[in-house]
Amino acid sequence: MDAELQLRTAYVLTIKRYSLESLLNTPAELLGDGVYARLSDTSKRDFSLACIQIALSQPTAAAFHLMRALEEQVKMLYFSYKKINRLDKPMWGPMTNELRNKKAPKPTEKLLNHLDGMRVHFRNPTQHPELFYSLDEAQDLLNQTITAINMIVAELPK
């Protein structure tokens, strides 16, 4: 009777560039040593959800969660370097601009350039309702997000 009613949906998990074990059960292993533990709870949740979405071949959902996870880490970076006169509404672009224009200490140009590139080429377009990601694009974005998160955490005060 169940076959005729078609009340259930099954996902067939196929091989991805990242192991299904890591995507589904141990996303922390995809990041640098000790990086996952230093993420905010929101970033951990969004990063983990993005990994699950890639495993389930839901690339646009994965991209959305990756950009949420990364934006949260950009905020952590901003708050760790900018102690006074903070933005009322911290948004990715203005935060990186303020970090770029402040006197030392500040994040490296390499990190700020990477974050600006991620914002322009991925975060802003991902918000567009007509954009849909392919699975390859989502996995590429996962790789770049891993790099960006690792870089941010490396520059956060211990």
C-alpha atoms as a PDB file:
ATOM      1  CA  MET A   1       0.000   0.000   0.000  1.00  0.00           C
ATOM      2  CA  ASP A   2       2.877   2.378   0.811  1.00  0.00           C
ATOM      3  CA  ALA A   3       4.241   2.057  -2.741  1.00  0.00           C
ATOM      4  CA  GLU A   4       0.918   3.081  -4.233  1.00  0.00           C
ATOM      5  CA  LEU A   5       0.294   6.044  -1.935  1.00  0.00           C
ATOM      6  CA  GLN A   6       3.767   7.501  -2.495  1.00  0.00           C
ATOM      7  CA  LEU A   7       3.830   9.179   0.916  1.00  0.00           C
ATOM      8  CA  ARG A   8       7.561   8.810   1.425  1.00  0.00           C
ATOM      9  CA  THR A   9      10.549  10.360  -0.260  1.00  0.00           C
ATOM     10  CA  ALA A  10      13.900   8.633  -0.313  1.00  0.00           C
ATOM     11  CA  TYR A  11      17.242  10.270  -0.932  1.00  0.00           C
ATOM     12  CA  VAL A  12      19.899   8.238  -2.648  1.00  0.00           C
ATOM     13  CA  LEU A  13      23.271   9.397  -1.422  1.00  0.00           C
ATOM     14  CA  THR A  14      25.859   9.453  -4.166  1.00  0.00           C
ATOM     15  CA  ILE A  15      29.606   9.923  -3.974  1.00  0.00           C
ATOM     16  CA  LYS A  16      30.680  13.544  -3.611  1.00  0.00           C
ATOM     17  CA  ARG A  17      34.109  15.193  -3.607  1.00  0.00           C
ATOM     18  CA  TYR A  18      34.005  15.118   0.178  1.00  0.00           C
ATOM     19  CA  SER A  19      33.306  11.895   2.039  1.00  0.00           C
ATOM     20  CA  LEU A  20      29.704  11.314   2.993  1.00  0.00           C
ATOM     21  CA  GLU A  21      30.901  10.495   6.509  1.00  0.00           C
ATOM     22  CA  SER A  22      32.425  13.965   6.872  1.00  0.00           C
ATOM     23  CA  LEU A  23      29.478  15.711   5.258  1.00  0.00           C
ATOM     24  CA  LEU A  24      26.837  13.939   7.322  1.00  0.00           C
ATOM     25  CA  ASN A  25      28.489  13.162  10.643  1.00  0.00           C
ATOM     26  CA  THR A  26      31.805  14.949  11.145  1.00  0.00           C
ATOM     27  CA  PRO A  27      31.834  18.306   9.352  1.00  0.00           C
ATOM     28  CA  ALA A  28      34.352  19.592  11.911  1.00  0.00           C
ATOM     29  CA  GLU A  29      36.954  17.375  10.234  1.00  0.00           C
ATOM     30  CA  LEU A  30      36.646  19.428   7.033  1.00  0.00           C
ATOM     31  CA  LEU A  31      38.042  22.496   8.797  1.00  0.00           C
ATOM     32  CA  GLY A  32      41.526  23.090  10.161  1.00  0.00           C
ATOM     33  CA  ASP A  33      42.606  21.636  13.482  1.00  0.00           C
ATOM     34  CA  GLY A  34      40.568  23.195  16.302  1.00  0.00           C
ATOM     35  CA  VAL A  35      38.714  25.587  13.981  1.00  0.00           C
ATOM     36  CA  TYR A  36      35.212  24.158  14.421  1.00  0.00           C
ATOM     37  CA  ALA A  37      35.418  24.541  18.195  1.00  0.00           C
ATOM     38  CA  ARG A  38      36.078  28.275  17.785  1.00  0.00           C
ATOM     39  CA  LEU A  39      33.072  28.932  15.531  1.00  0.00           C
ATOM     40  CA  SER A  40      29.963  30.585  16.896  1.00  0.00           C
ATOM     41  CA  ASP A  41      27.026  28.264  17.521  1.00  0.00           C
ATOM     42  CA  THR A  42      25.247  29.797  14.524  1.00  0.00           C
ATOM     43  CA  SER A  43      28.220  29.164  12.230  1.00  0.00           C
ATOM     44  CA  LYS A  44      28.536  25.586  13.462  1.00  0.00           C
ATOM     45  CA  ARG A  45      24.877  24.928  12.757  1.00  0.00           C
ATOM     46  CA  ASP A  46      24.893  26.570   9.320  1.00  0.00           C
ATOM     47  CA  PHE A  47      28.168  24.909   8.296  1.00  0.00           C
ATOM     48  CA  SER A  48      26.865  21.501   9.384  1.00  0.00           C
ATOM     49  CA  LEU A  49      23.559  22.048   7.578  1.00  0.00           C
ATOM     50  CA  ALA A  50      25.407  23.068   4.410  1.00  0.00           C
ATOM     51  CA  CYS A  51      27.433  19.863   4.524  1.00  0.00           C
ATOM     52  CA  ILE A  52      24.261  17.794   4.937  1.00  0.00           C
ATOM     53  CA  GLN A  53      22.642  19.630   2.027  1.00  0.00           C
ATOM     54  CA  ILE A  54      25.611  18.788  -0.198  1.00  0.00           C
ATOM     55  CA  ALA A  55      25.336  15.125   0.832  1.00  0.00           C
ATOM     56  CA  LEU A  56      21.639  15.235  -0.070  1.00  0.00           C
ATOM     57  CA  SER A  57      22.380  16.931  -3.424  1.00  0.00           C
ATOM     58  CA  GLN A  58      20.624  20.161  -2.446  1.00  0.00           C
ATOM     59  CA  PRO A  59      23.266  22.612  -3.714  1.00  0.00           C
ATOM     60  CA  THR A  60      21.376  25.920  -3.535  1.00  0.00           C
ATOM     61  CA  ALA A  61      20.375  25.262   0.075  1.00  0.00           C
ATOM     62  CA  ALA A  62      23.998  24.374   0.825  1.00  0.00           C
ATOM     63  CA  ALA A  63      25.227  27.642  -0.703  1.00  0.00           C
ATOM     64  CA  PHE A  64      22.753  29.628   1.375  1.00  0.00           C
ATOM     65  CA  HIS A  65      23.899  27.994   4.620  1.00  0.00           C
ATOM     66  CA  LEU A  66      27.577  28.362   3.696  1.00  0.00           C
ATOM     67  CA  MET A  67      27.171  32.092   3.208  1.00  0.00           C
ATOM     68  CA  ARG A  68      25.294  32.405   6.513  1.00  0.00           C
ATOM     69  CA  ALA A  69      28.059  30.504   8.315  1.00  0.00           C
ATOM     70  CA  LEU A  70      30.762  32.644   6.764  1.00  0.00           C
ATOM     71  CA  GLU A  71      28.954  35.936   7.370  1.00  0.00           C
ATOM     72  CA  GLU A  72      28.650  35.057  11.051  1.00  0.00           C
ATOM     73  CA  GLN A  73      32.402  34.498  11.178  1.00  0.00           C
ATOM     74  CA  VAL A  74      32.994  37.838   9.442  1.00  0.00           C
ATOM     75  CA  LYS A  75      31.016  39.404  12.306  1.00  0.00           C
ATOM     76  CA  MET A  76      33.176  37.604  14.862  1.00  0.00           C
ATOM     77  CA  LEU A  77      36.270  38.926  13.086  1.00  0.00           C
ATOM     78  CA  TYR A  78      34.849  42.444  13.015  1.00  0.00           C
ATOM     79  CA  PHE A  79      33.894  42.423  16.706  1.00  0.00           C
ATOM     80  CA  SER A  80      37.298  41.068  17.718  1.00  0.00           C
ATOM     81  CA  TYR A  81      39.170  43.878  15.937  1.00  0.00           C
ATOM     82  CA  LYS A  82      36.673  46.738  16.222  1.00  0.00           C
ATOM     83  CA  LYS A  83      36.065  47.560  19.870  1.00  0.00           C
ATOM     84  CA  ILE A  84      34.563  51.071  19.661  1.00  0.00           C
ATOM     85  CA  ASN A  85      32.438  52.993  17.165  1.00  0.00           C
ATOM     86  CA  ARG A  86      30.998  49.802  15.741  1.00  0.00           C
ATOM     87  CA  LEU A  87      28.423  49.772  12.982  1.00  0.00           C
ATOM     88  CA  ASP A  88      24.797  49.867  14.161  1.00  0.00           C
ATOM     89  CA  LYS A  89      23.892  47.215  11.599  1.00  0.00           C
ATOM     90  CA  PRO A  90      27.016  45.205  10.857  1.00  0.00           C
ATOM     91  CA  MET A  91      26.804  44.013   7.257  1.00  0.00           C
ATOM     92  CA  TRP A  92      29.562  42.119   5.445  1.00  0.00           C
ATOM     93  CA  GLY A  93      30.732  44.867   3.053  1.00  0.00           C
ATOM     94  CA  PRO A  94      30.796  47.717   5.561  1.00  0.00           C
ATOM     95  CA  MET A  95      32.488  45.490   8.151  1.00  0.00           C
ATOM     96  CA  THR A  96      35.348  44.537   5.831  1.00  0.00           C
ATOM     97  CA  ASN A  97      35.668  48.185   4.735  1.00  0.00           C
ATOM     98  CA  GLU A  98      36.009  49.324   8.340  1.00  0.00           C
ATOM     99  CA  LEU A  99      38.534  46.588   9.077  1.00  0.00           C
ATOM    100  CA  ARG A 100      40.526  47.496   5.970  1.00  0.00           C
ATOM    101  CA  ASN A 101      40.597  51.206   6.927  1.00  0.00           C
ATOM    102  CA  LYS A 102      41.451  50.876  10.603  1.00  0.00           C
ATOM    103  CA  LYS A 103      44.899  51.276  12.055  1.00  0.00           C
ATOM    104  CA  ALA A 104      46.744  48.294  13.462  1.00  0.00           C
ATOM    105  CA  PRO A 105      45.932  45.804  14.686  1.00  0.00           C
ATOM    106  CA  LYS A 106      43.788  44.660  11.801  1.00  0.00           C
ATOM    107  CA  PRO A 107      43.317  41.524   9.701  1.00  0.00           C
ATOM    108  CA  THR A 108      45.704  40.847   6.838  1.00  0.00           C
ATOM    109  CA  GLU A 109      45.025  42.211   3.371  1.00  0.00           C
ATOM    110  CA  LYS A 110      45.041  38.626   2.100  1.00  0.00           C
ATOM    111  CA  LEU A 111      42.103  37.732   4.356  1.00  0.00           C
ATOM    112  CA  LEU A 112      40.180  40.936   3.655  1.00  0.00           C
ATOM    113  CA  ASN A 113      40.646  40.509  -0.108  1.00  0.00           C
ATOM    114  CA  HIS A 114      39.436  36.905   0.112  1.00  0.00           C
ATOM    115  CA  LEU A 115      36.373  37.952   2.123  1.00  0.00           C
ATOM    116  CA  ASP A 116      35.556  40.771  -0.311  1.00  0.00           C
ATOM    117  CA  GLY A 117      35.790  38.316  -3.194  1.00  0.00           C
ATOM    118  CA  MET A 118      33.514  35.861  -1.415  1.00  0.00           C
ATOM    119  CA  ARG A 119      30.997  38.622  -0.748  1.00  0.00           C
ATOM    120  CA  VAL A 120      30.947  39.989  -4.297  1.00  0.00           C
ATOM    121  CA  HIS A 121      31.070  36.703  -6.178  1.00  0.00           C
ATOM    122  CA  PHE A 122      29.054  34.422  -3.889  1.00  0.00           C
ATOM    123  CA  ARG A 123      27.265  35.982  -0.913  1.00  0.00           C
ATOM    124  CA  ASN A 124      25.445  38.717  -2.820  1.00  0.00           C
ATOM    125  CA  PRO A 125      24.505  36.529  -5.823  1.00  0.00           C
ATOM    126  CA  THR A 126      23.377  33.677  -3.549  1.00  0.00           C
ATOM    127  CA  GLN A 127      20.667  35.950  -2.157  1.00  0.00           C
ATOM    128  CA  HIS A 128      19.179  36.405  -5.651  1.00  0.00           C
ATOM    129  CA  PRO A 129      15.961  34.381  -6.027  1.00  0.00           C
ATOM    130  CA  GLU A 130      16.711  33.339  -9.611  1.00  0.00           C
ATOM    131  CA  LEU A 131      20.126  31.801  -8.873  1.00  0.00           C
ATOM    132  CA  PHE A 132      20.383  28.047  -8.519  1.00  0.00           C
ATOM    133  CA  TYR A 133      23.667  26.278  -7.800  1.00  0.00           C
ATOM    134  CA  SER A 134      24.858  23.058  -9.366  1.00  0.00           C
ATOM    135  CA  LEU A 135      26.326  20.408  -7.099  1.00  0.00           C
ATOM    136  CA  ASP A 136      29.808  21.152  -8.452  1.00  0.00           C
ATOM    137  CA  GLU A 137      29.375  24.871  -7.734  1.00  0.00           C
ATOM    138  CA  ALA A 138      28.203  24.139  -4.182  1.00  0.00           C
ATOM    139  CA  GLN A 139      31.202  21.890  -3.559  1.00  0.00           C
ATOM    140  CA  ASP A 140      33.513  24.586  -4.949  1.00  0.00           C
ATOM    141  CA  LEU A 141      31.852  27.069  -2.613  1.00  0.00           C
ATOM    142  CA  LEU A 142      32.296  24.676   0.315  1.00  0.00           C
ATOM    143  CA  ASN A 143      36.011  24.541  -0.464  1.00  0.00           C
ATOM    144  CA  GLN A 144      36.311  28.332  -0.606  1.00  0.00           C
ATOM    145  CA  THR A 145      34.247  28.740   2.565  1.00  0.00           C
ATOM    146  CA  ILE A 146      36.474  26.254   4.379  1.00  0.00           C
ATOM    147  CA  THR A 147      39.486  28.324   3.332  1.00  0.00           C
ATOM    148  CA  ALA A 148      37.865  31.585   4.447  1.00  0.00           C
ATOM    149  CA  ILE A 149      36.753  30.212   7.822  1.00  0.00           C
ATOM    150  CA  ASN A 150      40.185  28.724   8.471  1.00  0.00           C
ATOM    151  CA  MET A 151      41.783  32.084   7.629  1.00  0.00           C
ATOM    152  CA  ILE A 152      39.404  34.008   9.900  1.00  0.00           C
ATOM    153  CA  VAL A 153      39.912  31.726  12.865  1.00  0.00           C
ATOM    154  CA  ALA A 154      43.696  31.920  12.402  1.00  0.00           C
ATOM    155  CA  GLU A 155      43.478  35.708  12.823  1.00  0.00           C
ATOM    156  CA  LEU A 156      41.087  35.762  15.769  1.00  0.00           C
ATOM    157  CA  PRO A 157      42.688  36.445  19.142  1.00  0.00           C
ATOM    158  CA  LYS A 158      43.150  33.237  21.130  1.00  0.00           C
END
